[in-house]
PDB file of N, CA and C in Angstrom:
ATOM      1  N   MET A   1     123.585 143.048  66.947  1.00  0.00           N
ATOM      2  CA  MET A   1     122.658 144.046  66.471  1.00  0.00           C
ATOM      3  C   MET A   1     121.895 143.638  65.095  1.00  0.00           C
ATOM      4  N   ASN A   2     120.874 144.009  65.008  1.00  0.00           N
ATOM      5  CA  ASN A   2     119.846 143.799  63.762  1.00  0.00           C
ATOM      6  C   ASN A   2     120.721 144.493  62.723  1.00  0.00           C
ATOM      7  N   ALA A   3     120.602 143.439  61.723  1.00  0.00           N
ATOM      8  CA  ALA A   3     121.137 143.955  60.319  1.00  0.00           C
ATOM      9  C   ALA A   3     120.810 145.225  59.672  1.00  0.00           C
ATOM     10  N   ASN A   4     119.296 145.333  59.895  1.00  0.00           N
ATOM     11  CA  ASN A   4     118.707 146.430  59.232  1.00  0.00           C
ATOM     12  C   ASN A   4     119.261 147.646  60.061  1.00  0.00           C
ATOM     13  N   LEU A   5     119.523 147.878  61.278  1.00  0.00           N
ATOM     14  CA  LEU A   5     120.175 148.862  62.066  1.00  0.00           C
ATOM     15  C   LEU A   5     121.394 149.278  61.599  1.00  0.00           C
ATOM     16  N   LEU A   6     122.029 148.227  61.449  1.00  0.00           N
ATOM     17  CA  LEU A   6     123.500 148.403  61.219  1.00  0.00           C
ATOM     18  C   LEU A   6     123.542 149.038  59.792  1.00  0.00           C
ATOM     19  N   LYS A   7     122.517 148.836  58.886  1.00  0.00           N
ATOM     20  CA  LYS A   7     122.698 149.125  57.407  1.00  0.00           C
ATOM     21  C   LYS A   7     122.130 150.636  57.696  1.00  0.00           C
ATOM     22  N   ALA A   8     121.063 150.980  58.314  1.00  0.00           N
ATOM     23  CA  ALA A   8     120.812 152.288  58.404  1.00  0.00           C
ATOM     24  C   ALA A   8     121.962 153.341  58.989  1.00  0.00           C
ATOM     25  N   ILE A   9     122.551 152.761  59.820  1.00  0.00           N
ATOM     26  CA  ILE A   9     123.456 153.571  60.527  1.00  0.00           C
ATOM     27  C   ILE A   9     124.655 153.721  59.415  1.00  0.00           C
ATOM     28  N   TYR A  10     124.782 152.653  58.771  1.00  0.00           N
ATOM     29  CA  TYR A  10     125.899 152.785  57.725  1.00  0.00           C
ATOM     30  C   TYR A  10     125.427 154.011  56.740  1.00  0.00           C
ATOM     31  N   TYR A  11     124.345 153.883  56.117  1.00  0.00           N
ATOM     32  CA  TYR A  11     123.734 154.648  55.126  1.00  0.00           C
ATOM     33  C   TYR A  11     123.748 156.184  55.550  1.00  0.00           C
ATOM     34  N   MET A  12     123.504 156.340  57.061  1.00  0.00           N
ATOM     35  CA  MET A  12     123.141 157.632  57.675  1.00  0.00           C
ATOM     36  C   MET A  12     124.626 158.196  57.674  1.00  0.00           C
ATOM     37  N   PHE A  13     125.697 157.514  58.017  1.00  0.00           N
ATOM     38  CA  PHE A  13     127.029 157.953  58.128  1.00  0.00           C
ATOM     39  C   PHE A  13     127.576 158.229  56.838  1.00  0.00           C
ATOM     40  N   PHE A  14     127.285 157.480  55.789  1.00  0.00           N
ATOM     41  CA  PHE A  14     127.911 157.915  54.405  1.00  0.00           C
ATOM     42  C   PHE A  14     127.099 159.221  53.915  1.00  0.00           C
ATOM     43  N   ALA A  15     125.693 159.271  54.100  1.00  0.00           N
ATOM     44  CA  ALA A  15     125.005 160.392  53.729  1.00  0.00           C
ATOM     45  C   ALA A  15     125.415 161.577  54.407  1.00  0.00           C
ATOM     46  N   THR A  16     125.886 161.553  55.689  1.00  0.00           N
ATOM     47  CA  THR A  16     126.224 162.940  56.488  1.00  0.00           C
ATOM     48  C   THR A  16     127.624 162.964  55.968  1.00  0.00           C
ATOM     49  N   THR A  17     128.467 162.234  55.790  1.00  0.00           N
ATOM     50  CA  THR A  17     129.751 162.396  55.196  1.00  0.00           C
ATOM     51  C   THR A  17     129.798 163.019  53.991  1.00  0.00           C
ATOM     52  N   PHE A  18     128.979 162.624  52.960  1.00  0.00           N
ATOM     53  CA  PHE A  18     128.883 163.216  51.426  1.00  0.00           C
ATOM     54  C   PHE A  18     128.248 164.332  51.772  1.00  0.00           C
ATOM     55  N   LEU A  19     127.281 164.720  52.358  1.00  0.00           N
ATOM     56  CA  LEU A  19     126.623 166.192  52.588  1.00  0.00           C
ATOM     57  C   LEU A  19     127.719 167.186  53.233  1.00  0.00           C
ATOM     58  N   GLY A  20     128.638 166.578  54.065  1.00  0.00           N
ATOM     59  CA  GLY A  20     129.720 167.468  54.737  1.00  0.00           C
ATOM     60  C   GLY A  20     130.705 167.825  53.721  1.00  0.00           C
ATOM     61  N   VAL A  21     130.861 166.971  52.765  1.00  0.00           N
ATOM     62  CA  VAL A  21     131.940 167.246  51.751  1.00  0.00           C
ATOM     63  C   VAL A  21     131.437 168.199  50.629  1.00  0.00           C
ATOM     64  N   VAL A  22     130.126 167.879  50.254  1.00  0.00           N
ATOM     65  CA  VAL A  22     129.522 168.686  49.250  1.00  0.00           C
ATOM     66  C   VAL A  22     129.139 170.183  49.558  1.00  0.00           C
ATOM     67  N   PHE A  23     128.749 170.183  50.912  1.00  0.00           N
ATOM     68  CA  PHE A  23     127.883 171.512  51.732  1.00  0.00           C
ATOM     69  C   PHE A  23     128.679 172.007  52.723  1.00  0.00           C
ATOM     70  N   GLY A  24     130.169 171.782  52.698  1.00  0.00           N
ATOM     71  CA  GLY A  24     130.892 171.927  54.106  1.00  0.00           C
ATOM     72  C   GLY A  24     130.898 173.301  54.540  1.00  0.00           C
ATOM     73  N   ASP A  25     130.858 174.400  53.565  1.00  0.00           N
ATOM     74  CA  ASP A  25     130.821 175.820  53.919  1.00  0.00           C
ATOM     75  C   ASP A  25     129.422 176.085  54.778  1.00  0.00           C
ATOM     76  N   GLN A  26     128.490 175.644  53.988  1.00  0.00           N
ATOM     77  CA  GLN A  26     126.967 175.834  54.722  1.00  0.00           C
ATOM     78  C   GLN A  26     126.867 175.168  56.286  1.00  0.00           C
ATOM     79  N   LEU A  27     127.324 173.888  56.210  1.00  0.00           N
ATOM     80  CA  LEU A  27     127.227 173.212  57.224  1.00  0.00           C
ATOM     81  C   LEU A  27     128.194 173.696  58.425  1.00  0.00           C
ATOM     82  N   THR A  28     129.085 174.061  58.065  1.00  0.00           N
ATOM     83  CA  THR A  28     129.933 174.968  59.111  1.00  0.00           C
ATOM     84  C   THR A  28     129.251 176.030  59.782  1.00  0.00           C
ATOM     85  N   ALA A  29     128.764 176.734  59.008  1.00  0.00           N
ATOM     86  CA  ALA A  29     128.022 177.904  59.458  1.00  0.00           C
ATOM     87  C   ALA A  29     126.947 177.517  60.322  1.00  0.00           C
ATOM     88  N   VAL A  30     126.086 176.582  59.875  1.00  0.00           N
ATOM     89  CA  VAL A  30     125.159 176.118  60.799  1.00  0.00           C
ATOM     90  C   VAL A  30     125.626 175.281  61.821  1.00  0.00           C
ATOM     91  N   SER A  31     126.411 175.004  61.802  1.00  0.00           N
ATOM     92  CA  SER A  31     127.182 174.217  63.021  1.00  0.00           C
ATOM     93  C   SER A  31     127.740 175.271  64.272  1.00  0.00           C
ATOM     94  N   SER A  32     128.453 176.266  63.601  1.00  0.00           N
ATOM     95  CA  SER A  32     128.932 177.517  64.493  1.00  0.00           C
ATOM     96  C   SER A  32     127.615 178.011  65.108  1.00  0.00           C
ATOM     97  N   ALA A  33     126.496 178.074  64.442  1.00  0.00           N
ATOM     98  CA  ALA A  33     125.225 178.805  65.081  1.00  0.00           C
ATOM     99  C   ALA A  33     124.737 177.937  66.312  1.00  0.00           C
ATOM    100  N   PHE A  34     124.786 176.444  65.773  1.00  0.00           N
ATOM    101  CA  PHE A  34     124.334 175.437  66.594  1.00  0.00           C
ATOM    102  C   PHE A  34     125.088 175.586  68.222  1.00  0.00           C
ATOM    103  N   CYS A  35     126.384 175.598  67.795  1.00  0.00           N
ATOM    104  CA  CYS A  35     127.220 175.574  69.027  1.00  0.00           C
ATOM    105  C   CYS A  35     127.131 176.851  69.927  1.00  0.00           C
ATOM    106  N   ALA A  36     126.985 177.954  69.236  1.00  0.00           N
ATOM    107  CA  ALA A  36     126.717 179.199  70.082  1.00  0.00           C
ATOM    108  C   ALA A  36     125.275 179.088  70.758  1.00  0.00           C
ATOM    109  N   LEU A  37     124.368 178.313  70.022  1.00  0.00           N
ATOM    110  CA  LEU A  37     123.040 178.314  70.708  1.00  0.00           C
ATOM    111  C   LEU A  37     123.267 177.438  72.014  1.00  0.00           C
ATOM    112  N   VAL A  38     124.103 176.148  71.883  1.00  0.00           N
ATOM    113  CA  VAL A  38     124.360 175.295  72.965  1.00  0.00           C
ATOM    114  C   VAL A  38     124.927 175.936  73.902  1.00  0.00           C
ATOM    115  N   GLY A  39     125.954 176.910  73.890  1.00  0.00           N
ATOM    116  CA  GLY A  39     126.807 177.414  74.822  1.00  0.00           C
ATOM    117  C   GLY A  39     125.641 178.303  75.593  1.00  0.00           C
ATOM    118  N   GLU A  40     124.800 179.109  74.780  1.00  0.00           N
ATOM    119  CA  GLU A  40     124.024 180.027  75.557  1.00  0.00           C
ATOM    120  C   GLU A  40     122.867 179.104  76.529  1.00  0.00           C
ATOM    121  N   VAL A  41     122.522 178.089  76.058  1.00  0.00           N
ATOM    122  CA  VAL A  41     121.644 177.054  76.670  1.00  0.00           C
ATOM    123  C   VAL A  41     122.334 176.525  77.829  1.00  0.00           C
ATOM    124  N   ARG A  42     123.559 176.200  77.783  1.00  0.00           N
ATOM    125  CA  ARG A  42     124.462 175.470  78.872  1.00  0.00           C
ATOM    126  C   ARG A  42     124.570 176.333  79.888  1.00  0.00           C
ATOM    127  N   GLY A  43     124.855 177.590  79.619  1.00  0.00           N
ATOM    128  CA  GLY A  43     125.055 178.902  80.704  1.00  0.00           C
ATOM    129  C   GLY A  43     123.718 179.120  81.494  1.00  0.00           C
ATOM    130  N   ILE A  44     122.586 179.152  80.727  1.00  0.00           N
ATOM    131  CA  ILE A  44     121.270 179.219  81.556  1.00  0.00           C
ATOM    132  C   ILE A  44     120.927 178.049  82.274  1.00  0.00           C
ATOM    133  N   ILE A  45     121.369 176.847  82.029  1.00  0.00           N
ATOM    134  CA  ILE A  45     120.811 175.636  82.646  1.00  0.00           C
ATOM    135  C   ILE A  45     121.981 175.687  83.887  1.00  0.00           C
ATOM    136  N   ALA A  46     123.046 176.192  83.848  1.00  0.00           N
ATOM    137  CA  ALA A  46     124.198 176.336  84.786  1.00  0.00           C
ATOM    138  C   ALA A  46     123.639 177.044  85.988  1.00  0.00           C
ATOM    139  N   LEU A  47     123.082 177.992  85.407  1.00  0.00           N
ATOM    140  CA  LEU A  47     122.627 179.271  86.519  1.00  0.00           C
ATOM    141  C   LEU A  47     121.411 178.551  87.160  1.00  0.00           C
ATOM    142  N   PHE A  48     120.301 178.020  86.408  1.00  0.00           N
ATOM    143  CA  PHE A  48     119.245 177.707  87.064  1.00  0.00           C
ATOM    144  C   PHE A  48     119.689 176.413  88.126  1.00  0.00           C
ATOM    145  N   ALA A  49     120.400 175.424  87.815  1.00  0.00           N
ATOM    146  CA  ALA A  49     121.122 174.495  88.515  1.00  0.00           C
ATOM    147  C   ALA A  49     121.650 175.017  90.030  1.00  0.00           C
ATOM    148  N   LEU A  50     122.384 176.398  89.818  1.00  0.00           N
ATOM    149  CA  LEU A  50     122.828 176.855  90.928  1.00  0.00           C
ATOM    150  C   LEU A  50     121.926 177.414  91.947  1.00  0.00           C
ATOM    151  N   VAL A  51     120.701 178.050  91.328  1.00  0.00           N
ATOM    152  CA  VAL A  51     119.880 178.282  92.197  1.00  0.00           C
ATOM    153  C   VAL A  51     119.022 177.595  92.746  1.00  0.00           C
ATOM    154  N   MET A  52     118.720 176.415  91.980  1.00  0.00           N
ATOM    155  CA  MET A  52     117.932 175.295  92.466  1.00  0.00           C
ATOM    156  C   MET A  52     118.620 174.558  94.027  1.00  0.00           C
ATOM    157  N   PHE A  53     120.146 174.564  93.748  1.00  0.00           N
ATOM    158  CA  PHE A  53     120.852 174.080  94.750  1.00  0.00           C
ATOM    159  C   PHE A  53     120.749 174.966  95.918  1.00  0.00           C
ATOM    160  N   LEU A  54     121.015 176.436  95.895  1.00  0.00           N
ATOM    161  CA  LEU A  54     121.001 177.418  96.920  1.00  0.00           C
ATOM    162  C   LEU A  54     119.414 177.541  97.611  1.00  0.00           C
ATOM    163  N   VAL A  55     118.393 177.360  96.604  1.00  0.00           N
ATOM    164  CA  VAL A  55     117.032 177.654  97.441  1.00  0.00           C
ATOM    165  C   VAL A  55     116.710 176.203  97.981  1.00  0.00           C
ATOM    166  N   GLY A  56     116.951 175.014  97.383  1.00  0.00           N
ATOM    167  CA  GLY A  56     116.836 173.664  97.735  1.00  0.00           C
ATOM    168  C   GLY A  56     117.526 173.602  99.062  1.00  0.00           C
ATOM    169  N   GLY A  57     118.685 174.120  99.163  1.00  0.00           N
ATOM    170  CA  GLY A  57     119.465 174.096 100.562  1.00  0.00           C
ATOM    171  C   GLY A  57     118.807 174.952 101.735  1.00  0.00           C
ATOM    172  N   VAL A  58     118.374 175.997 101.328  1.00  0.00           N
ATOM    173  CA  VAL A  58     117.807 176.918 102.462  1.00  0.00           C
ATOM    174  C   VAL A  58     116.296 176.400 102.838  1.00  0.00           C
ATOM    175  N   LEU A  59     115.857 175.775 101.759  1.00  0.00           N
ATOM    176  CA  LEU A  59     114.353 175.244 102.200  1.00  0.00           C
ATOM    177  C   LEU A  59     114.542 173.971 103.123  1.00  0.00           C
ATOM    178  N   TYR A  60     115.566 173.360 102.918  1.00  0.00           N
ATOM    179  CA  TYR A  60     115.848 172.268 103.679  1.00  0.00           C
ATOM    180  C   TYR A  60     116.259 172.361 105.014  1.00  0.00           C
ATOM    181  N   ALA A  61     117.013 173.561 105.016  1.00  0.00           N
ATOM    182  CA  ALA A  61     117.603 173.771 106.597  1.00  0.00           C
ATOM    183  C   ALA A  61     116.288 174.624 107.378  1.00  0.00           C
ATOM    184  N   ILE A  62     115.575 175.179 106.523  1.00  0.00           N
ATOM    185  CA  ILE A  62     114.462 175.929 107.076  1.00  0.00           C
ATOM    186  C   ILE A  62     113.377 174.689 107.677  1.00  0.00           C
ATOM    187  N   ALA A  63     113.427 173.751 107.000  1.00  0.00           N
ATOM    188  CA  ALA A  63     112.700 172.548 107.195  1.00  0.00           C
ATOM    189  C   ALA A  63     112.866 171.789 108.812  1.00  0.00           C
ATOM    190  N   HIS A  64     114.167 171.988 108.828  1.00  0.00           N
ATOM    191  CA  HIS A  64     114.530 171.326 110.240  1.00  0.00           C
ATOM    192  C   HIS A  64     114.420 172.127 111.527  1.00  0.00           C
ATOM    193  N   PHE A  65     113.949 173.452 111.362  1.00  0.00           N
ATOM    194  CA  PHE A  65     113.476 174.164 112.395  1.00  0.00           C
ATOM    195  C   PHE A  65     112.111 174.204 112.615  1.00  0.00           C
ATOM    196  N   LEU A  66     111.253 173.740 111.711  1.00  0.00           N
ATOM    197  CA  LEU A  66     109.768 173.583 111.934  1.00  0.00           C
ATOM    198  C   LEU A  66     109.407 172.558 112.861  1.00  0.00           C
ATOM    199  N   PRO A  67     108.348 172.572 113.624  1.00  0.00           N
ATOM    200  CA  PRO A  67     107.889 171.360 114.537  1.00  0.00           C
ATOM    201  C   PRO A  67     107.494 170.252 113.687  1.00  0.00           C
ATOM    202  N   SER A  68     107.692 169.310 114.147  1.00  0.00           N
ATOM    203  CA  SER A  68     107.523 167.767 113.473  1.00  0.00           C
ATOM    204  C   SER A  68     106.170 167.389 113.491  1.00  0.00           C
ATOM    205  N   ALA A  69     105.294 168.079 114.305  1.00  0.00           N
ATOM    206  CA  ALA A  69     103.763 167.427 114.340  1.00  0.00           C
ATOM    207  C   ALA A  69     103.062 167.744 113.003  1.00  0.00           C
ATOM    208  N   GLY A  70     103.329 168.840 112.121  1.00  0.00           N
ATOM    209  CA  GLY A  70     102.711 168.810 110.878  1.00  0.00           C
ATOM    210  C   GLY A  70     103.246 168.306 109.915  1.00  0.00           C
ATOM    211  N   SER A  71     102.209 168.323 108.731  1.00  0.00           N
ATOM    212  CA  SER A  71     102.567 167.978 107.638  1.00  0.00           C
ATOM    213  C   SER A  71     103.502 168.640 106.566  1.00  0.00           C
ATOM    214  N   PHE A  72     103.557 169.922 107.116  1.00  0.00           N
ATOM    215  CA  PHE A  72     104.164 171.060 106.172  1.00  0.00           C
ATOM    216  C   PHE A  72     105.724 170.785 106.152  1.00  0.00           C
ATOM    217  N   ARG A  73     106.089 170.262 107.548  1.00  0.00           N
ATOM    218  CA  ARG A  73     107.560 169.908 107.296  1.00  0.00           C
ATOM    219  C   ARG A  73     108.028 168.994 106.420  1.00  0.00           C
ATOM    220  N   GLY A  74     107.425 167.880 106.368  1.00  0.00           N
ATOM    221  CA  GLY A  74     107.657 166.898 105.495  1.00  0.00           C
ATOM    222  C   GLY A  74     107.416 167.105 104.073  1.00  0.00           C
ATOM    223  N   ASN A  75     106.400 167.894 103.770  1.00  0.00           N
ATOM    224  CA  ASN A  75     106.144 168.596 102.252  1.00  0.00           C
ATOM    225  C   ASN A  75     107.550 169.611 101.721  1.00  0.00           C
ATOM    226  N   LEU A  76     107.868 170.345 103.002  1.00  0.00           N
ATOM    227  CA  LEU A  76     108.743 171.167 102.680  1.00  0.00           C
ATOM    228  C   LEU A  76     110.272 170.507 102.326  1.00  0.00           C
ATOM    229  N   GLN A  77     110.362 169.602 102.940  1.00  0.00           N
ATOM    230  CA  GLN A  77     111.563 168.606 102.900  1.00  0.00           C
ATOM    231  C   GLN A  77     111.699 168.125 101.571  1.00  0.00           C
ATOM    232  N   GLY A  78     110.344 167.592 101.222  1.00  0.00           N
ATOM    233  CA  GLY A  78     110.182 166.982  99.846  1.00  0.00           C
ATOM    234  C   GLY A  78     110.506 167.814  98.761  1.00  0.00           C
ATOM    235  N   TRP A  79     109.921 169.025  98.859  1.00  0.00           N
ATOM    236  CA  TRP A  79     110.214 170.095  97.895  1.00  0.00           C
ATOM    237  C   TRP A  79     111.660 170.417  97.858  1.00  0.00           C
ATOM    238  N   ALA A  80     112.314 170.670  98.950  1.00  0.00           N
ATOM    239  CA  ALA A  80     113.699 170.932  98.890  1.00  0.00           C
ATOM    240  C   ALA A  80     114.466 169.927  98.131  1.00  0.00           C
ATOM    241  N   MET A  81     114.175 168.700  98.783  1.00  0.00           N
ATOM    242  CA  MET A  81     115.217 167.399  97.961  1.00  0.00           C
ATOM    243  C   MET A  81     114.865 167.401  96.638  1.00  0.00           C
ATOM    244  N   GLY A  82     113.613 167.684  95.980  1.00  0.00           N
ATOM    245  CA  GLY A  82     113.285 167.683  94.805  1.00  0.00           C
ATOM    246  C   GLY A  82     114.091 168.981  93.841  1.00  0.00           C
ATOM    247  N   MET A  83     114.233 169.970  94.683  1.00  0.00           N
ATOM    248  CA  MET A  83     114.927 170.999  94.006  1.00  0.00           C
ATOM    249  C   MET A  83     116.387 170.638  94.001  1.00  0.00           C
ATOM    250  N   ILE A  84     116.993 170.191  95.125  1.00  0.00           N
ATOM    251  CA  ILE A  84     118.455 169.705  94.884  1.00  0.00           C
ATOM    252  C   ILE A  84     118.635 168.676  93.750  1.00  0.00           C
ATOM    253  N   LEU A  85     117.803 167.587  93.805  1.00  0.00           N
ATOM    254  CA  LEU A  85     117.863 166.788  92.834  1.00  0.00           C
ATOM    255  C   LEU A  85     117.835 167.351  91.371  1.00  0.00           C
ATOM    256  N   GLY A  86     116.763 168.230  91.203  1.00  0.00           N
ATOM    257  CA  GLY A  86     116.797 169.085  89.908  1.00  0.00           C
ATOM    258  C   GLY A  86     118.139 169.900  89.418  1.00  0.00           C
ATOM    259  N   GLY A  87     118.833 170.551  90.548  1.00  0.00           N
ATOM    260  CA  GLY A  87     119.908 170.943  90.372  1.00  0.00           C
ATOM    261  C   GLY A  87     121.132 169.931  90.023  1.00  0.00           C
ATOM    262  N   ILE A  88     121.336 168.772  90.848  1.00  0.00           N
ATOM    263  CA  ILE A  88     121.977 167.893  90.264  1.00  0.00           C
ATOM    264  C   ILE A  88     121.763 167.452  88.811  1.00  0.00           C
ATOM    265  N   ILE A  89     120.566 167.053  88.409  1.00  0.00           N
ATOM    266  CA  ILE A  89     120.428 166.714  87.005  1.00  0.00           C
ATOM    267  C   ILE A  89     120.683 167.804  85.994  1.00  0.00           C
ATOM    268  N   GLY A  90     120.648 169.163  86.400  1.00  0.00           N
ATOM    269  CA  GLY A  90     120.983 170.336  85.629  1.00  0.00           C
ATOM    270  C   GLY A  90     122.486 170.266  85.494  1.00  0.00           C
ATOM    271  N   VAL A  91     123.329 169.925  86.539  1.00  0.00           N
ATOM    272  CA  VAL A  91     124.541 170.023  86.231  1.00  0.00           C
ATOM    273  C   VAL A  91     125.142 168.706  85.470  1.00  0.00           C
ATOM    274  N   ILE A  92     124.548 167.625  85.696  1.00  0.00           N
ATOM    275  CA  ILE A  92     124.955 166.738  84.819  1.00  0.00           C
ATOM    276  C   ILE A  92     124.472 167.006  83.415  1.00  0.00           C
ATOM    277  N   LEU A  93     123.327 167.438  82.913  1.00  0.00           N
ATOM    278  CA  LEU A  93     123.133 168.148  81.696  1.00  0.00           C
ATOM    279  C   LEU A  93     124.264 168.872  81.206  1.00  0.00           C
ATOM    280  N   VAL A  94     124.627 169.790  81.870  1.00  0.00           N
ATOM    281  CA  VAL A  94     125.592 170.840  81.366  1.00  0.00           C
ATOM    282  C   VAL A  94     126.982 170.076  81.214  1.00  0.00           C
ATOM    283  N   ILE A  95     127.301 169.028  81.981  1.00  0.00           N
ATOM    284  CA  ILE A  95     128.482 168.506  81.995  1.00  0.00           C
ATOM    285  C   ILE A  95     128.366 167.480  80.852  1.00  0.00           C
ATOM    286  N   ILE A  96     127.516 166.822  80.494  1.00  0.00           N
ATOM    287  CA  ILE A  96     127.413 165.982  79.296  1.00  0.00           C
ATOM    288  C   ILE A  96     127.080 166.593  78.013  1.00  0.00           C
ATOM    289  N   ALA A  97     126.455 167.879  77.843  1.00  0.00           N
ATOM    290  CA  ALA A  97     125.785 168.385  76.765  1.00  0.00           C
ATOM    291  C   ALA A  97     127.239 168.650  75.535  1.00  0.00           C
ATOM    292  N   GLN A  98     128.225 169.019  76.121  1.00  0.00           N
ATOM    293  CA  GLN A  98     129.180 169.235  75.338  1.00  0.00           C
ATOM    294  C   GLN A  98     129.757 168.275  74.243  1.00  0.00           C
ATOM    295  N   PRO A  99     130.143 166.904  75.063  1.00  0.00           N
ATOM    296  CA  PRO A  99     130.597 165.949  74.224  1.00  0.00           C
ATOM    297  C   PRO A  99     129.416 165.346  73.260  1.00  0.00           C
ATOM    298  N   ILE A 100     128.067 165.506  73.752  1.00  0.00           N
ATOM    299  CA  ILE A 100     127.092 165.017  72.897  1.00  0.00           C
ATOM    300  C   ILE A 100     127.091 166.235  71.645  1.00  0.00           C
ATOM    301  N   VAL A 101     127.088 167.447  71.861  1.00  0.00           N
ATOM    302  CA  VAL A 101     127.225 168.221  70.764  1.00  0.00           C
ATOM    303  C   VAL A 101     128.339 168.138  69.936  1.00  0.00           C
ATOM    304  N   ASN A 102     129.272 167.774  70.479  1.00  0.00           N
ATOM    305  CA  ASN A 102     130.505 167.760  69.626  1.00  0.00           C
ATOM    306  C   ASN A 102     130.266 166.538  68.729  1.00  0.00           C
ATOM    307  N   MET A 103     129.763 165.478  69.264  1.00  0.00           N
ATOM    308  CA  MET A 103     129.698 164.360  68.608  1.00  0.00           C
ATOM    309  C   MET A 103     128.630 164.453  67.176  1.00  0.00           C
ATOM    310  N   VAL A 104     127.540 165.173  67.647  1.00  0.00           N
ATOM    311  CA  VAL A 104     126.503 165.336  66.538  1.00  0.00           C
ATOM    312  C   VAL A 104     127.045 166.372  65.671  1.00  0.00           C
ATOM    313  N   VAL A 105     127.912 167.620  65.786  1.00  0.00           N
ATOM    314  CA  VAL A 105     128.444 168.296  65.096  1.00  0.00           C
ATOM    315  C   VAL A 105     129.172 167.877  64.012  1.00  0.00           C
ATOM    316  N   GLY A 106     130.175 166.926  64.770  1.00  0.00           N
ATOM    317  CA  GLY A 106     131.424 166.394  63.886  1.00  0.00           C
ATOM    318  C   GLY A 106     130.597 165.189  63.007  1.00  0.00           C
ATOM    319  N   PHE A 107     129.614 164.687  63.319  1.00  0.00           N
ATOM    320  CA  PHE A 107     128.740 163.315  62.549  1.00  0.00           C
ATOM    321  C   PHE A 107     128.146 164.294  61.704  1.00  0.00           C
ATOM    322  N   GLY A 108     127.591 165.189  61.601  1.00  0.00           N
ATOM    323  CA  GLY A 108     126.906 165.992  60.662  1.00  0.00           C
ATOM    324  C   GLY A 108     127.879 166.731  59.587  1.00  0.00           C
ATOM    325  N   ASN A 109     128.841 166.958  60.180  1.00  0.00           N
ATOM    326  CA  ASN A 109     130.052 167.709  59.272  1.00  0.00           C
ATOM    327  C   ASN A 109     130.499 166.853  58.160  1.00  0.00           C
ATOM    328  N   GLY A 110     130.671 165.357  58.437  1.00  0.00           N
ATOM    329  CA  GLY A 110     131.404 164.629  57.861  1.00  0.00           C
ATOM    330  C   GLY A 110     133.103 164.878  58.123  1.00  0.00           C
ATOM    331  N   LEU A 111     133.530 165.270  56.957  1.00  0.00           N
ATOM    332  CA  LEU A 111     134.900 165.518  56.809  1.00  0.00           C
ATOM    333  C   LEU A 111     135.268 166.787  57.250  1.00  0.00           C
ATOM    334  N   SER A 112     134.301 167.673  57.267  1.00  0.00           N
ATOM    335  CA  SER A 112     134.690 169.133  57.704  1.00  0.00           C
ATOM    336  C   SER A 112     134.759 169.048  59.137  1.00  0.00           C
ATOM    337  N   SER A 113     135.714 169.775  59.911  1.00  0.00           N
ATOM    338  CA  SER A 113     136.086 169.687  61.107  1.00  0.00           C
ATOM    339  C   SER A 113     135.456 171.149  61.874  1.00  0.00           C
ATOM    340  N   VAL A 114     134.554 171.016  62.483  1.00  0.00           N
ATOM    341  CA  VAL A 114     134.060 172.057  63.472  1.00  0.00           C
ATOM    342  C   VAL A 114     133.791 171.251  64.678  1.00  0.00           C
ATOM    343  N   SER A 115     134.505 171.948  65.602  1.00  0.00           N
ATOM    344  CA  SER A 115     134.124 171.805  67.365  1.00  0.00           C
ATOM    345  C   SER A 115     133.598 172.768  68.118  1.00  0.00           C
ATOM    346  N   CYS A 116     132.839 172.420  69.017  1.00  0.00           N
ATOM    347  CA  CYS A 116     132.362 173.861  69.952  1.00  0.00           C
ATOM    348  C   CYS A 116     133.351 174.128  70.949  1.00  0.00           C
TER     349      CYS A 116
END
């Protein structure tokens, strides 16, 4: 790794640890609000991912009943696969969001311990 990058990471870690010690109560309140916000966003993304799975599956099934002569069948299958892929990406975001938030909250709090 680049020495300047390692130095910057070291200074950022030191600064966040220092701020966590000095301003622990305020950072705990901000972290709690951040965790609540992330929880709400995760719920909304999970709901949209489920809806995208369902609508994409229904559209894909409908596309199989259409005649293959027109280009509408291919377009509909493409839209359906896009929606299903969007649902998969949404589920992945919901799964990886919590560890990332815990890492950011823990890194920002330094010594004070807050986890979502």
